[in-house]
Amino acid sequence: MTDFCQVTTTIDSREAAEQLAAVLVEERLAACAQISGPIASTYRWQGQVERATEWYCHLKTTSVRLPDLESRLRSLHPYQVPEIIAVPISAGHPAYLSWIEDAVRPTP
């Protein structure tokens, strides 16, 4: 079995999050995507403290597909510097992990 990870990003609207999720799942870069929000974000950007309403997008994938997922996410994301954080999935239900692996396997 392969290594697995969860990738998170934030984006500025629910519609944008849903579109991002759909593309990444349709292209087999993520097995699934969950969207939550709105969330209140406070961050420093270009020397200023900013506040924004955002939506979280949580994506499940394999470490093998992670580089392609990151690249595609950067190309689709409207932010100049998008949050793209990948954390390893250290354990999980074996059938679920197998499903992730199958769902992101490129089709021949």
Protein backbone atom coordinates (compact mmCIF):
# COMPACT_ATOMS: atom_id res chain seq x y z
CA MET A 1 0.00 0.00 0.00
CA THR A 2 1.09 3.54 -0.73
CA ASP A 3 1.53 6.60 1.51
CA PHE A 4 -1.46 8.90 1.89
CA CYS A 5 -1.92 12.56 2.77
CA GLN A 6 -4.53 15.21 3.34
CA VAL A 7 -4.02 18.50 1.56
CA THR A 8 -5.72 21.67 2.76
CA THR A 9 -6.21 24.99 1.07
CA THR A 10 -8.37 28.04 1.68
CA ILE A 11 -10.21 30.01 -0.96
CA ASP A 12 -12.40 33.11 -1.05
CA SER A 13 -15.86 31.70 -1.89
CA ARG A 14 -17.91 28.55 -1.55
CA GLU A 15 -18.45 28.47 -5.31
CA ALA A 16 -14.70 28.64 -5.95
CA ALA A 17 -14.11 25.86 -3.40
CA GLU A 18 -16.74 23.67 -5.04
CA GLN A 19 -15.25 24.27 -8.49
CA LEU A 20 -11.74 23.53 -7.25
CA ALA A 21 -12.94 20.33 -5.55
CA ALA A 22 -14.79 19.15 -8.65
CA VAL A 23 -11.82 19.67 -10.98
CA LEU A 24 -9.31 17.96 -8.68
CA VAL A 25 -11.57 14.94 -8.13
CA GLU A 26 -12.57 14.72 -11.81
CA GLU A 27 -8.90 14.78 -12.81
CA ARG A 28 -8.17 11.97 -10.30
CA LEU A 29 -5.72 14.12 -8.34
CA ALA A 30 -7.84 13.85 -5.19
CA ALA A 31 -10.06 10.97 -4.17
CA CYS A 32 -12.45 13.30 -2.38
CA ALA A 33 -12.79 16.85 -1.20
CA GLN A 34 -14.67 18.24 1.75
CA ILE A 35 -15.52 21.91 1.97
CA SER A 36 -16.13 23.68 5.25
CA GLY A 37 -16.81 27.27 6.07
CA PRO A 38 -17.16 30.05 6.10
CA ILE A 39 -14.18 30.62 8.37
CA ALA A 40 -12.72 33.91 9.57
CA SER A 41 -9.05 34.27 8.62
CA THR A 42 -6.61 36.83 10.00
CA TYR A 43 -3.17 36.97 8.40
CA ARG A 44 -0.27 39.25 7.57
CA TRP A 45 0.05 40.09 3.86
CA GLN A 46 2.41 42.64 2.34
CA GLY A 47 3.08 44.28 5.71
CA GLN A 48 -0.58 44.63 6.69
CA VAL A 49 -2.85 42.58 8.93
CA GLU A 50 -5.74 41.40 6.79
CA ARG A 51 -9.04 39.73 7.58
CA ALA A 52 -11.07 37.64 5.16
CA THR A 53 -13.91 35.18 4.97
CA GLU A 54 -12.70 31.94 3.42
CA TRP A 55 -13.66 28.31 2.89
CA TYR A 56 -11.46 25.33 3.70
CA CYS A 57 -11.02 22.57 1.16
CA HIS A 58 -9.65 19.25 2.49
CA LEU A 59 -8.39 16.86 -0.18
CA LYS A 60 -7.32 13.19 0.19
CA THR A 61 -4.63 11.83 -2.11
CA THR A 62 -1.50 9.69 -2.27
CA SER A 63 2.08 10.86 -1.95
CA VAL A 64 2.62 9.70 -5.53
CA ARG A 65 -0.12 12.05 -6.81
CA LEU A 66 0.77 14.92 -4.46
CA PRO A 67 3.18 16.77 -6.82
CA ASP A 68 0.57 16.79 -9.62
CA LEU A 69 -2.16 17.86 -7.18
CA GLU A 70 -0.01 20.73 -5.89
CA SER A 71 0.86 21.88 -9.41
CA ARG A 72 -2.77 21.80 -10.57
CA LEU A 73 -3.96 23.50 -7.40
CA ARG A 74 -1.48 26.35 -7.95
CA SER A 75 -2.64 26.75 -11.56
CA LEU A 76 -6.32 26.92 -10.57
CA HIS A 77 -6.06 28.96 -7.39
CA PRO A 78 -6.82 32.71 -7.56
CA TYR A 79 -4.44 33.65 -4.71
CA GLN A 80 -0.90 34.82 -5.46
CA VAL A 81 0.37 32.62 -2.61
CA PRO A 82 -2.26 29.97 -1.85
CA GLU A 83 -2.22 27.87 1.28
CA ILE A 84 -1.24 24.36 0.21
CA ILE A 85 -0.42 22.20 3.20
CA ALA A 86 -0.02 18.43 3.00
CA VAL A 87 0.02 16.31 6.14
CA PRO A 88 0.60 12.56 6.16
CA ILE A 89 -2.21 10.22 7.06
CA SER A 90 -0.45 8.03 9.61
CA ALA A 91 -3.23 5.45 9.90
CA GLY A 92 -6.64 4.75 8.50
CA HIS A 93 -9.23 2.11 7.72
CA PRO A 94 -7.46 -0.15 5.18
CA ALA A 95 -10.47 -0.28 2.87
CA TYR A 96 -10.72 3.52 2.87
CA LEU A 97 -7.02 3.92 2.12
CA SER A 98 -7.32 1.42 -0.74
CA TRP A 99 -10.26 3.40 -2.06
CA ILE A 100 -8.13 6.59 -2.07
CA GLU A 101 -5.39 4.78 -3.96
CA ASP A 102 -7.84 3.45 -6.56
CA ALA A 103 -9.63 6.80 -6.92
CA VAL A 104 -6.47 8.74 -7.79
CA ARG A 105 -4.88 6.11 -10.03
CA PRO A 106 -4.57 7.62 -13.52
CA THR A 107 -6.67 5.87 -16.11
CA PRO A 108 -4.76 4.27 -18.98
